[in-house]
Amino acid sequence: MEQKVGYKLIEGDCIEQMQKLIESGVKVSLTVTSPPYDGLRNYEGMVLWDFEKFKQVADLLYKITSDGGVVVWVVSDQTKNGNKSLTSFRQALYFQEIGFNFYDNIIYEKNRLN
């Protein structure tokens, strides 16, 4: 018997949308996201993205993620004076602290041709 796999793309404020999922009892098996990080980009009309906002999002992600579910969190660290901010490491540790299992850290190196 073939199992059907479905997906739904949800667009909107992530906090509002995750709260709706929690209220409706929906669990998510895969989340792929690239949130604003380390002030590396300017997004028009963007809310303040700091560690407190990150924790709010991470806590909600934990509540909506099904057992065995996966969160792919695509971020980078700002480099200032040759020193990385390590924000992504702090985030990874917080994900672990709230109950996620940390599977792997993948470094994606873009091939920039000028």
PDB file of N, CA and C in Angstrom:
ATOM      1  N   MET A   1       0.844  -1.178   0.000  1.00  0.00           N
ATOM      2  CA  MET A   1       0.000   0.000   0.000  1.00  0.00           C
ATOM      3  C   MET A   1       0.889   1.241   0.000  1.00  0.00           C
ATOM      4  N   GLU A   2       0.666   2.105  -0.945  1.00  0.00           N
ATOM      5  CA  GLU A   2       1.470   3.318  -1.075  1.00  0.00           C
ATOM      6  C   GLU A   2       0.956   4.395  -0.124  1.00  0.00           C
ATOM      7  N   GLN A   3       1.904   5.002   0.598  1.00  0.00           N
ATOM      8  CA  GLN A   3       1.540   6.080   1.515  1.00  0.00           C
ATOM      9  C   GLN A   3       1.664   7.411   0.804  1.00  0.00           C
ATOM     10  N   LYS A   4       0.624   8.230   0.903  1.00  0.00           N
ATOM     11  CA  LYS A   4       0.663   9.554   0.292  1.00  0.00           C
ATOM     12  C   LYS A   4       1.373  10.511   1.220  1.00  0.00           C
ATOM     13  N   VAL A   5       2.231  11.300   0.643  1.00  0.00           N
ATOM     14  CA  VAL A   5       2.959  12.316   1.397  1.00  0.00           C
ATOM     15  C   VAL A   5       2.458  13.670   0.910  1.00  0.00           C
ATOM     16  N   GLY A   6       2.054  14.492   1.833  1.00  0.00           N
ATOM     17  CA  GLY A   6       1.555  15.797   1.454  1.00  0.00           C
ATOM     18  C   GLY A   6       2.364  16.903   2.098  1.00  0.00           C
ATOM     19  N   TYR A   7       2.195  18.060   1.572  1.00  0.00           N
ATOM     20  CA  TYR A   7       2.865  19.211   2.147  1.00  0.00           C
ATOM     21  C   TYR A   7       1.954  20.413   2.006  1.00  0.00           C
ATOM     22  N   LYS A   8       2.234  21.400   2.820  1.00  0.00           N
ATOM     23  CA  LYS A   8       1.491  22.648   2.727  1.00  0.00           C
ATOM     24  C   LYS A   8       2.477  23.771   3.008  1.00  0.00           C
ATOM     25  N   LEU A   9       2.522  24.719   2.108  1.00  0.00           N
ATOM     26  CA  LEU A   9       3.363  25.897   2.284  1.00  0.00           C
ATOM     27  C   LEU A   9       2.529  26.936   3.016  1.00  0.00           C
ATOM     28  N   ILE A  10       3.039  27.408   4.134  1.00  0.00           N
ATOM     29  CA  ILE A  10       2.313  28.385   4.940  1.00  0.00           C
ATOM     30  C   ILE A  10       3.062  29.702   4.867  1.00  0.00           C
ATOM     31  N   GLU A  11       2.358  30.741   4.457  1.00  0.00           N
ATOM     32  CA  GLU A  11       2.973  32.059   4.347  1.00  0.00           C
ATOM     33  C   GLU A  11       2.331  32.985   5.369  1.00  0.00           C
ATOM     34  N   GLY A  12       3.149  33.738   6.067  1.00  0.00           N
ATOM     35  CA  GLY A  12       2.636  34.679   7.051  1.00  0.00           C
ATOM     36  C   GLY A  12       3.622  34.862   8.178  1.00  0.00           C
ATOM     37  N   ASP A  13       3.218  35.620   9.179  1.00  0.00           N
ATOM     38  CA  ASP A  13       4.048  35.809  10.365  1.00  0.00           C
ATOM     39  C   ASP A  13       4.230  34.447  11.039  1.00  0.00           C
ATOM     40  N   CYS A  14       5.468  34.022  11.202  1.00  0.00           N
ATOM     41  CA  CYS A  14       5.723  32.663  11.690  1.00  0.00           C
ATOM     42  C   CYS A  14       5.164  32.436  13.089  1.00  0.00           C
ATOM     43  N   ILE A  15       5.224  33.435  13.931  1.00  0.00           N
ATOM     44  CA  ILE A  15       4.712  33.271  15.296  1.00  0.00           C
ATOM     45  C   ILE A  15       3.197  33.076  15.270  1.00  0.00           C
ATOM     46  N   GLU A  16       2.510  33.914  14.514  1.00  0.00           N
ATOM     47  CA  GLU A  16       1.056  33.770  14.400  1.00  0.00           C
ATOM     48  C   GLU A  16       0.680  32.426  13.789  1.00  0.00           C
ATOM     49  N   GLN A  17       1.369  32.028  12.733  1.00  0.00           N
ATOM     50  CA  GLN A  17       1.041  30.783  12.046  1.00  0.00           C
ATOM     51  C   GLN A  17       1.326  29.560  12.918  1.00  0.00           C
ATOM     52  N   MET A  18       2.432  29.582  13.660  1.00  0.00           N
ATOM     53  CA  MET A  18       2.738  28.441  14.536  1.00  0.00           C
ATOM     54  C   MET A  18       1.742  28.359  15.684  1.00  0.00           C
ATOM     55  N   GLN A  19       1.301  29.494  16.216  1.00  0.00           N
ATOM     56  CA  GLN A  19       0.292  29.482  17.274  1.00  0.00           C
ATOM     57  C   GLN A  19      -1.012  28.877  16.765  1.00  0.00           C
ATOM     58  N   LYS A  20      -1.384  29.178  15.514  1.00  0.00           N
ATOM     59  CA  LYS A  20      -2.576  28.573  14.916  1.00  0.00           C
ATOM     60  C   LYS A  20      -2.425  27.057  14.801  1.00  0.00           C
ATOM     61  N   LEU A  21      -1.235  26.611  14.413  1.00  0.00           N
ATOM     62  CA  LEU A  21      -0.989  25.175  14.311  1.00  0.00           C
ATOM     63  C   LEU A  21      -1.116  24.503  15.673  1.00  0.00           C
ATOM     64  N   ILE A  22      -0.570  25.144  16.692  1.00  0.00           N
ATOM     65  CA  ILE A  22      -0.662  24.593  18.048  1.00  0.00           C
ATOM     66  C   ILE A  22      -2.121  24.488  18.471  1.00  0.00           C
ATOM     67  N   GLU A  23      -2.880  25.562  18.250  1.00  0.00           N
ATOM     68  CA  GLU A  23      -4.305  25.582  18.628  1.00  0.00           C
ATOM     69  C   GLU A  23      -5.102  24.509  17.905  1.00  0.00           C
ATOM     70  N   SER A  24      -4.728  24.210  16.664  1.00  0.00           N
ATOM     71  CA  SER A  24      -5.471  23.201  15.905  1.00  0.00           C
ATOM     72  C   SER A  24      -4.917  21.790  16.104  1.00  0.00           C
ATOM     73  N   GLY A  25      -3.836  21.659  16.873  1.00  0.00           N
ATOM     74  CA  GLY A  25      -3.272  20.346  17.165  1.00  0.00           C
ATOM     75  C   GLY A  25      -2.439  19.755  16.037  1.00  0.00           C
ATOM     76  N   VAL A  26      -2.082  20.560  15.058  1.00  0.00           N
ATOM     77  CA  VAL A  26      -1.292  20.088  13.917  1.00  0.00           C
ATOM     78  C   VAL A  26       0.177  19.970  14.306  1.00  0.00           C
ATOM     79  N   LYS A  27       0.798  18.872  13.885  1.00  0.00           N
ATOM     80  CA  LYS A  27       2.236  18.680  14.068  1.00  0.00           C
ATOM     81  C   LYS A  27       2.905  18.694  12.704  1.00  0.00           C
ATOM     82  N   VAL A  28       4.125  19.178  12.661  1.00  0.00           N
ATOM     83  CA  VAL A  28       4.863  19.343  11.411  1.00  0.00           C
ATOM     84  C   VAL A  28       6.059  18.398  11.426  1.00  0.00           C
ATOM     85  N   SER A  29       6.270  17.701  10.308  1.00  0.00           N
ATOM     86  CA  SER A  29       7.392  16.762  10.255  1.00  0.00           C
ATOM     87  C   SER A  29       8.669  17.386   9.702  1.00  0.00           C
ATOM     88  N   LEU A  30       8.541  18.478   8.941  1.00  0.00           N
ATOM     89  CA  LEU A  30       9.733  19.137   8.401  1.00  0.00           C
ATOM     90  C   LEU A  30       9.499  20.636   8.310  1.00  0.00           C
ATOM     91  N   THR A  31      10.426  21.389   8.878  1.00  0.00           N
ATOM     92  CA  THR A  31      10.448  22.839   8.725  1.00  0.00           C
ATOM     93  C   THR A  31      11.797  23.217   8.144  1.00  0.00           C
ATOM     94  N   VAL A  32      11.780  23.986   7.062  1.00  0.00           N
ATOM     95  CA  VAL A  32      13.006  24.520   6.471  1.00  0.00           C
ATOM     96  C   VAL A  32      12.850  26.030   6.477  1.00  0.00           C
ATOM     97  N   THR A  33      13.788  26.716   7.129  1.00  0.00           N
ATOM     98  CA  THR A  33      13.673  28.161   7.228  1.00  0.00           C
ATOM     99  C   THR A  33      15.038  28.825   7.221  1.00  0.00           C
ATOM    100  N   SER A  34      15.058  30.045   6.763  1.00  0.00           N
ATOM    101  CA  SER A  34      16.260  30.869   6.794  1.00  0.00           C
ATOM    102  C   SER A  34      15.862  32.220   7.380  1.00  0.00           C
ATOM    103  N   PRO A  35      15.833  32.292   8.704  1.00  0.00           N
ATOM    104  CA  PRO A  35      15.397  33.531   9.349  1.00  0.00           C
ATOM    105  C   PRO A  35      16.437  34.636   9.205  1.00  0.00           C
ATOM    106  N   PRO A  36      16.044  35.865   9.482  1.00  0.00           N
ATOM    107  CA  PRO A  36      17.042  36.953   9.468  1.00  0.00           C
ATOM    108  C   PRO A  36      18.136  36.635  10.497  1.00  0.00           C
ATOM    109  N   TYR A  37      19.352  36.931  10.172  1.00  0.00           N
ATOM    110  CA  TYR A  37      20.414  36.603  11.129  1.00  0.00           C
ATOM    111  C   TYR A  37      21.536  37.619  11.131  1.00  0.00           C
ATOM    112  N   ASP A  38      21.965  37.920  12.329  1.00  0.00           N
ATOM    113  CA  ASP A  38      23.152  38.740  12.602  1.00  0.00           C
ATOM    114  C   ASP A  38      23.200  40.064  11.856  1.00  0.00           C
ATOM    115  N   GLY A  39      22.054  40.608  11.495  1.00  0.00           N
ATOM    116  CA  GLY A  39      22.033  41.903  10.830  1.00  0.00           C
ATOM    117  C   GLY A  39      22.739  41.918   9.489  1.00  0.00           C
ATOM    118  N   LEU A  40      22.839  40.743   8.838  1.00  0.00           N
ATOM    119  CA  LEU A  40      23.577  40.661   7.573  1.00  0.00           C
ATOM    120  C   LEU A  40      22.763  41.152   6.380  1.00  0.00           C
ATOM    121  N   ARG A  41      21.441  41.260   6.563  1.00  0.00           N
ATOM    122  CA  ARG A  41      20.584  41.755   5.491  1.00  0.00           C
ATOM    123  C   ARG A  41      19.555  42.704   6.077  1.00  0.00           C
ATOM    124  N   ASN A  42      19.110  43.628   5.258  1.00  0.00           N
ATOM    125  CA  ASN A  42      18.023  44.528   5.640  1.00  0.00           C
ATOM    126  C   ASN A  42      16.760  44.106   4.920  1.00  0.00           C
ATOM    127  N   TYR A  43      15.730  43.802   5.683  1.00  0.00           N
ATOM    128  CA  TYR A  43      14.443  43.450   5.109  1.00  0.00           C
ATOM    129  C   TYR A  43      13.473  44.563   5.443  1.00  0.00           C
ATOM    130  N   GLU A  44      12.810  45.092   4.434  1.00  0.00           N
ATOM    131  CA  GLU A  44      11.864  46.184   4.645  1.00  0.00           C
ATOM    132  C   GLU A  44      10.728  45.719   5.550  1.00  0.00           C
ATOM    133  N   GLY A  45      10.444  46.503   6.582  1.00  0.00           N
ATOM    134  CA  GLY A  45       9.342  46.196   7.483  1.00  0.00           C
ATOM    135  C   GLY A  45       9.610  45.039   8.428  1.00  0.00           C
ATOM    136  N   MET A  46      10.857  44.620   8.539  1.00  0.00           N
ATOM    137  CA  MET A  46      11.206  43.475   9.380  1.00  0.00           C
ATOM    138  C   MET A  46      11.102  43.814  10.867  1.00  0.00           C
ATOM    139  N   VAL A  47      10.606  42.863  11.640  1.00  0.00           N
ATOM    140  CA  VAL A  47      10.578  43.039  13.085  1.00  0.00           C
ATOM    141  C   VAL A  47      12.000  42.916  13.620  1.00  0.00           C
ATOM    142  N   LEU A  48      12.216  43.427  14.813  1.00  0.00           N
ATOM    143  CA  LEU A  48      13.524  43.307  15.441  1.00  0.00           C
ATOM    144  C   LEU A  48      13.837  41.831  15.665  1.00  0.00           C
ATOM    145  N   TRP A  49      14.930  41.362  15.089  1.00  0.00           N
ATOM    146  CA  TRP A  49      15.326  39.966  15.240  1.00  0.00           C
ATOM    147  C   TRP A  49      16.519  39.923  16.169  1.00  0.00           C
ATOM    148  N   ASP A  50      16.281  39.455  17.393  1.00  0.00           N
ATOM    149  CA  ASP A  50      17.345  39.332  18.371  1.00  0.00           C
ATOM    150  C   ASP A  50      17.229  37.961  19.024  1.00  0.00           C
ATOM    151  N   PHE A  51      18.034  37.701  20.041  1.00  0.00           N
ATOM    152  CA  PHE A  51      18.031  36.365  20.640  1.00  0.00           C
ATOM    153  C   PHE A  51      16.703  36.065  21.334  1.00  0.00           C
ATOM    154  N   GLU A  52      16.050  37.064  21.882  1.00  0.00           N
ATOM    155  CA  GLU A  52      14.743  36.843  22.514  1.00  0.00           C
ATOM    156  C   GLU A  52      13.698  36.444  21.484  1.00  0.00           C
ATOM    157  N   LYS A  53      13.711  37.087  20.319  1.00  0.00           N
ATOM    158  CA  LYS A  53      12.783  36.724  19.241  1.00  0.00           C
ATOM    159  C   LYS A  53      13.102  35.321  18.746  1.00  0.00           C
ATOM    160  N   PHE A  54      14.403  35.018  18.600  1.00  0.00           N
ATOM    161  CA  PHE A  54      14.807  33.673  18.203  1.00  0.00           C
ATOM    162  C   PHE A  54      14.249  32.634  19.169  1.00  0.00           C
ATOM    163  N   LYS A  55      14.392  32.870  20.483  1.00  0.00           N
ATOM    164  CA  LYS A  55      13.914  31.902  21.476  1.00  0.00           C
ATOM    165  C   LYS A  55      12.405  31.698  21.365  1.00  0.00           C
ATOM    166  N   GLN A  56      11.671  32.772  21.123  1.00  0.00           N
ATOM    167  CA  GLN A  56      10.218  32.661  20.961  1.00  0.00           C
ATOM    168  C   GLN A  56       9.894  31.756  19.759  1.00  0.00           C
ATOM    169  N   VAL A  57      10.582  31.958  18.658  1.00  0.00           N
ATOM    170  CA  VAL A  57      10.370  31.140  17.463  1.00  0.00           C
ATOM    171  C   VAL A  57      10.792  29.689  17.727  1.00  0.00           C
ATOM    172  N   ALA A  58      11.951  29.485  18.340  1.00  0.00           N
ATOM    173  CA  ALA A  58      12.445  28.134  18.620  1.00  0.00           C
ATOM    174  C   ALA A  58      11.482  27.376  19.533  1.00  0.00           C
ATOM    175  N   ASP A  59      10.971  28.032  20.564  1.00  0.00           N
ATOM    176  CA  ASP A  59      10.031  27.381  21.484  1.00  0.00           C
ATOM    177  C   ASP A  59       8.773  26.921  20.755  1.00  0.00           C
ATOM    178  N   LEU A  60       8.259  27.772  19.867  1.00  0.00           N
ATOM    179  CA  LEU A  60       7.067  27.400  19.098  1.00  0.00           C
ATOM    180  C   LEU A  60       7.388  26.282  18.111  1.00  0.00           C
ATOM    181  N   LEU A  61       8.554  26.328  17.488  1.00  0.00           N
ATOM    182  CA  LEU A  61       8.962  25.248  16.583  1.00  0.00           C
ATOM    183  C   LEU A  61       8.986  23.918  17.323  1.00  0.00           C
ATOM    184  N   TYR A  62       9.484  23.938  18.542  1.00  0.00           N
ATOM    185  CA  TYR A  62       9.539  22.692  19.311  1.00  0.00           C
ATOM    186  C   TYR A  62       8.135  22.146  19.563  1.00  0.00           C
ATOM    187  N   LYS A  63       7.200  23.043  19.851  1.00  0.00           N
ATOM    188  CA  LYS A  63       5.826  22.616  20.133  1.00  0.00           C
ATOM    189  C   LYS A  63       5.117  22.039  18.904  1.00  0.00           C
ATOM    190  N   ILE A  64       5.446  22.530  17.712  1.00  0.00           N
ATOM    191  CA  ILE A  64       4.733  22.054  16.516  1.00  0.00           C
ATOM    192  C   ILE A  64       5.447  20.909  15.808  1.00  0.00           C
ATOM    193  N   THR A  65       6.687  20.618  16.169  1.00  0.00           N
ATOM    194  CA  THR A  65       7.440  19.577  15.474  1.00  0.00           C
ATOM    195  C   THR A  65       7.054  18.202  16.004  1.00  0.00           C
ATOM    196  N   SER A  66       6.697  17.310  15.076  1.00  0.00           N
ATOM    197  CA  SER A  66       6.292  15.957  15.460  1.00  0.00           C
ATOM    198  C   SER A  66       7.490  15.170  15.974  1.00  0.00           C
ATOM    199  N   ASP A  67       7.217  14.096  16.715  1.00  0.00           N
ATOM    200  CA  ASP A  67       8.286  13.202  17.151  1.00  0.00           C
ATOM    201  C   ASP A  67       9.007  12.691  15.912  1.00  0.00           C
ATOM    202  N   GLY A  68      10.309  12.811  15.890  1.00  0.00           N
ATOM    203  CA  GLY A  68      11.089  12.398  14.733  1.00  0.00           C
ATOM    204  C   GLY A  68      11.133  13.449  13.637  1.00  0.00           C
ATOM    205  N   GLY A  69      10.471  14.581  13.859  1.00  0.00           N
ATOM    206  CA  GLY A  69      10.464  15.659  12.876  1.00  0.00           C
ATOM    207  C   GLY A  69      11.802  16.369  12.816  1.00  0.00           C
ATOM    208  N   VAL A  70      11.990  17.142  11.761  1.00  0.00           N
ATOM    209  CA  VAL A  70      13.270  17.790  11.501  1.00  0.00           C
ATOM    210  C   VAL A  70      13.057  19.285  11.274  1.00  0.00           C
ATOM    211  N   VAL A  71      13.945  20.072  11.862  1.00  0.00           N
ATOM    212  CA  VAL A  71      13.995  21.509  11.590  1.00  0.00           C
ATOM    213  C   VAL A  71      15.344  21.788  10.930  1.00  0.00           C
ATOM    214  N   VAL A  72      15.293  22.366   9.737  1.00  0.00           N
ATOM    215  CA  VAL A  72      16.503  22.791   9.044  1.00  0.00           C
ATOM    216  C   VAL A  72      16.575  24.295   9.219  1.00  0.00           C
ATOM    217  N   TRP A  73      17.586  24.740   9.948  1.00  0.00           N
ATOM    218  CA  TRP A  73      17.732  26.137  10.356  1.00  0.00           C
ATOM    219  C   TRP A  73      18.931  26.717   9.624  1.00  0.00           C
ATOM    220  N   VAL A  74      18.692  27.508   8.576  1.00  0.00           N
ATOM    221  CA  VAL A  74      19.761  28.017   7.722  1.00  0.00           C
ATOM    222  C   VAL A  74      20.139  29.427   8.178  1.00  0.00           C
ATOM    223  N   VAL A  75      21.309  29.541   8.788  1.00  0.00           N
ATOM    224  CA  VAL A  75      21.786  30.832   9.281  1.00  0.00           C
ATOM    225  C   VAL A  75      23.292  30.953   9.056  1.00  0.00           C
ATOM    226  N   SER A  76      23.783  32.127   9.286  1.00  0.00           N
ATOM    227  CA  SER A  76      25.216  32.380   9.188  1.00  0.00           C
ATOM    228  C   SER A  76      25.607  33.325  10.314  1.00  0.00           C
ATOM    229  N   ASP A  77      26.880  33.419  10.551  1.00  0.00           N
ATOM    230  CA  ASP A  77      27.388  34.310  11.589  1.00  0.00           C
ATOM    231  C   ASP A  77      28.069  35.521  10.957  1.00  0.00           C
ATOM    232  N   GLN A  78      27.847  36.651  11.572  1.00  0.00           N
ATOM    233  CA  GLN A  78      28.512  37.872  11.130  1.00  0.00           C
ATOM    234  C   GLN A  78      29.999  37.781  11.493  1.00  0.00           C
ATOM    235  N   THR A  79      30.832  38.293  10.597  1.00  0.00           N
ATOM    236  CA  THR A  79      32.266  38.382  10.888  1.00  0.00           C
ATOM    237  C   THR A  79      32.611  39.854  11.036  1.00  0.00           C
ATOM    238  N   LYS A  80      33.204  40.178  12.172  1.00  0.00           N
ATOM    239  CA  LYS A  80      33.598  41.553  12.436  1.00  0.00           C
ATOM    240  C   LYS A  80      35.035  41.535  12.932  1.00  0.00           C
ATOM    241  N   ASN A  81      35.891  42.271  12.258  1.00  0.00           N
ATOM    242  CA  ASN A  81      37.325  42.314  12.600  1.00  0.00           C
ATOM    243  C   ASN A  81      37.932  40.918  12.630  1.00  0.00           C
ATOM    244  N   GLY A  82      37.504  40.062  11.678  1.00  0.00           N
ATOM    245  CA  GLY A  82      38.046  38.705  11.580  1.00  0.00           C
ATOM    246  C   GLY A  82      37.514  37.737  12.615  1.00  0.00           C
ATOM    247  N   ASN A  83      36.497  38.135  13.365  1.00  0.00           N
ATOM    248  CA  ASN A  83      35.973  37.306  14.442  1.00  0.00           C
ATOM    249  C   ASN A  83      34.502  36.978  14.184  1.00  0.00           C
ATOM    250  N   LYS A  84      34.143  35.686  14.168  1.00  0.00           N
ATOM    251  CA  LYS A  84      32.755  35.252  13.987  1.00  0.00           C
ATOM    252  C   LYS A  84      31.955  35.511  15.257  1.00  0.00           C
ATOM    253  N   SER A  85      30.695  35.868  15.084  1.00  0.00           N
ATOM    254  CA  SER A  85      29.825  36.171  16.240  1.00  0.00           C
ATOM    255  C   SER A  85      29.414  34.924  17.017  1.00  0.00           C
ATOM    256  N   LEU A  86      29.387  33.777  16.377  1.00  0.00           N
ATOM    257  CA  LEU A  86      28.963  32.491  16.960  1.00  0.00           C
ATOM    258  C   LEU A  86      27.478  32.467  17.358  1.00  0.00           C
ATOM    259  N   THR A  87      26.695  33.359  16.787  1.00  0.00           N
ATOM    260  CA  THR A  87      25.254  33.362  17.059  1.00  0.00           C
ATOM    261  C   THR A  87      24.640  32.013  16.715  1.00  0.00           C
ATOM    262  N   SER A  88      25.049  31.414  15.594  1.00  0.00           N
ATOM    263  CA  SER A  88      24.481  30.123  15.188  1.00  0.00           C
ATOM    264  C   SER A  88      24.771  29.040  16.228  1.00  0.00           C
ATOM    265  N   PHE A  89      25.910  29.110  16.885  1.00  0.00           N
ATOM    266  CA  PHE A  89      26.246  28.126  17.919  1.00  0.00           C
ATOM    267  C   PHE A  89      25.365  28.325  19.153  1.00  0.00           C
ATOM    268  N   ARG A  90      25.144  29.586  19.527  1.00  0.00           N
ATOM    269  CA  ARG A  90      24.251  29.863  20.653  1.00  0.00           C
ATOM    270  C   ARG A  90      22.846  29.361  20.348  1.00  0.00           C
ATOM    271  N   GLN A  91      22.414  29.543  19.102  1.00  0.00           N
ATOM    272  CA  GLN A  91      21.093  29.059  18.707  1.00  0.00           C
ATOM    273  C   GLN A  91      21.033  27.537  18.774  1.00  0.00           C
ATOM    274  N   ALA A  92      22.069  26.868  18.260  1.00  0.00           N
ATOM    275  CA  ALA A  92      22.109  25.400  18.293  1.00  0.00           C
ATOM    276  C   ALA A  92      22.042  24.889  19.729  1.00  0.00           C
ATOM    277  N   LEU A  93      22.776  25.519  20.623  1.00  0.00           N
ATOM    278  CA  LEU A  93      22.750  25.113  22.030  1.00  0.00           C
ATOM    279  C   LEU A  93      21.374  25.332  22.645  1.00  0.00           C
ATOM    280  N   TYR A  94      20.701  26.407  22.278  1.00  0.00           N
ATOM    281  CA  TYR A  94      19.356  26.659  22.793  1.00  0.00           C
ATOM    282  C   TYR A  94      18.373  25.613  22.260  1.00  0.00           C
ATOM    283  N   PHE A  95      18.479  25.273  20.980  1.00  0.00           N
ATOM    284  CA  PHE A  95      17.616  24.223  20.429  1.00  0.00           C
ATOM    285  C   PHE A  95      17.773  22.936  21.245  1.00  0.00           C
ATOM    286  N   GLN A  96      19.002  22.583  21.568  1.00  0.00           N
ATOM    287  CA  GLN A  96      19.266  21.389  22.376  1.00  0.00           C
ATOM    288  C   GLN A  96      18.686  21.535  23.777  1.00  0.00           C
ATOM    289  N   GLU A  97      18.857  22.699  24.372  1.00  0.00           N
ATOM    290  CA  GLU A  97      18.381  22.974  25.730  1.00  0.00           C
ATOM    291  C   GLU A  97      16.866  22.775  25.860  1.00  0.00           C
ATOM    292  N   ILE A  98      16.107  23.140  24.810  1.00  0.00           N
ATOM    293  CA  ILE A  98      14.649  23.025  24.901  1.00  0.00           C
ATOM    294  C   ILE A  98      14.133  21.644  24.500  1.00  0.00           C
ATOM    295  N   GLY A  99      15.030  20.761  24.026  1.00  0.00           N
ATOM    296  CA  GLY A  99      14.599  19.388  23.767  1.00  0.00           C
ATOM    297  C   GLY A  99      14.858  18.839  22.388  1.00  0.00           C
ATOM    298  N   PHE A 100      15.287  19.683  21.446  1.00  0.00           N
ATOM    299  CA  PHE A 100      15.620  19.161  20.118  1.00  0.00           C
ATOM    300  C   PHE A 100      16.892  18.333  20.193  1.00  0.00           C
ATOM    301  N   ASN A 101      17.001  17.327  19.336  1.00  0.00           N
ATOM    302  CA  ASN A 101      18.259  16.625  19.141  1.00  0.00           C
ATOM    303  C   ASN A 101      19.022  17.348  18.041  1.00  0.00           C
ATOM    304  N   PHE A 102      20.288  17.608  18.283  1.00  0.00           N
ATOM    305  CA  PHE A 102      21.131  18.263  17.280  1.00  0.00           C
ATOM    306  C   PHE A 102      21.774  17.172  16.442  1.00  0.00           C
ATOM    307  N   TYR A 103      21.430  17.122  15.154  1.00  0.00           N
ATOM    308  CA  TYR A 103      21.934  16.050  14.299  1.00  0.00           C
ATOM    309  C   TYR A 103      23.253  16.404  13.636  1.00  0.00           C
ATOM    310  N   ASP A 104      23.316  17.570  13.012  1.00  0.00           N
ATOM    311  CA  ASP A 104      24.530  17.900  12.293  1.00  0.00           C
ATOM    312  C   ASP A 104      24.602  19.402  12.033  1.00  0.00           C
ATOM    313  N   ASN A 105      25.799  19.883  11.889  1.00  0.00           N
ATOM    314  CA  ASN A 105      26.070  21.255  11.502  1.00  0.00           C
ATOM    315  C   ASN A 105      26.666  21.190  10.100  1.00  0.00           C
ATOM    316  N   ILE A 106      25.977  21.766   9.144  1.00  0.00           N
ATOM    317  CA  ILE A 106      26.439  21.710   7.768  1.00  0.00           C
ATOM    318  C   ILE A 106      26.871  23.106   7.347  1.00  0.00           C
ATOM    319  N   ILE A 107      28.049  23.197   6.795  1.00  0.00           N
ATOM    320  CA  ILE A 107      28.561  24.478   6.329  1.00  0.00           C
ATOM    321  C   ILE A 107      28.443  24.508   4.814  1.00  0.00           C
ATOM    322  N   TYR A 108      27.688  25.473   4.342  1.00  0.00           N
ATOM    323  CA  TYR A 108      27.485  25.638   2.907  1.00  0.00           C
ATOM    324  C   TYR A 108      28.367  26.786   2.446  1.00  0.00           C
ATOM    325  N   GLU A 109      29.310  26.466   1.593  1.00  0.00           N
ATOM    326  CA  GLU A 109      30.214  27.492   1.076  1.00  0.00           C
ATOM    327  C   GLU A 109      29.777  27.841  -0.344  1.00  0.00           C
ATOM    328  N   LYS A 110      29.376  29.084  -0.515  1.00  0.00           N
ATOM    329  CA  LYS A 110      28.939  29.540  -1.826  1.00  0.00           C
ATOM    330  C   LYS A 110      30.163  29.778  -2.710  1.00  0.00           C
ATOM    331  N   ASN A 111      30.048  29.351  -3.938  1.00  0.00           N
ATOM    332  CA  ASN A 111      31.106  29.592  -4.910  1.00  0.00           C
ATOM    333  C   ASN A 111      30.796  30.925  -5.567  1.00  0.00           C
ATOM    334  N   ARG A 112      31.486  31.948  -5.153  1.00  0.00           N
ATOM    335  CA  ARG A 112      31.226  33.292  -5.673  1.00  0.00           C
ATOM    336  C   ARG A 112      32.224  33.603  -6.795  1.00  0.00           C
ATOM    337  N   LEU A 113      31.679  33.713  -7.970  1.00  0.00           N
ATOM    338  CA  LEU A 113      32.518  34.066  -9.115  1.00  0.00           C
ATOM    339  C   LEU A 113      32.305  35.537  -9.420  1.00  0.00           C
ATOM    340  N   ASN A 114      33.343  36.290  -9.441  1.00  0.00           N
ATOM    341  CA  ASN A 114      33.230  37.722  -9.741  1.00  0.00           C
ATOM    342  C   ASN A 114      33.474  37.995 -11.195  1.00  0.00           C
TER     343      ASN A 114
END
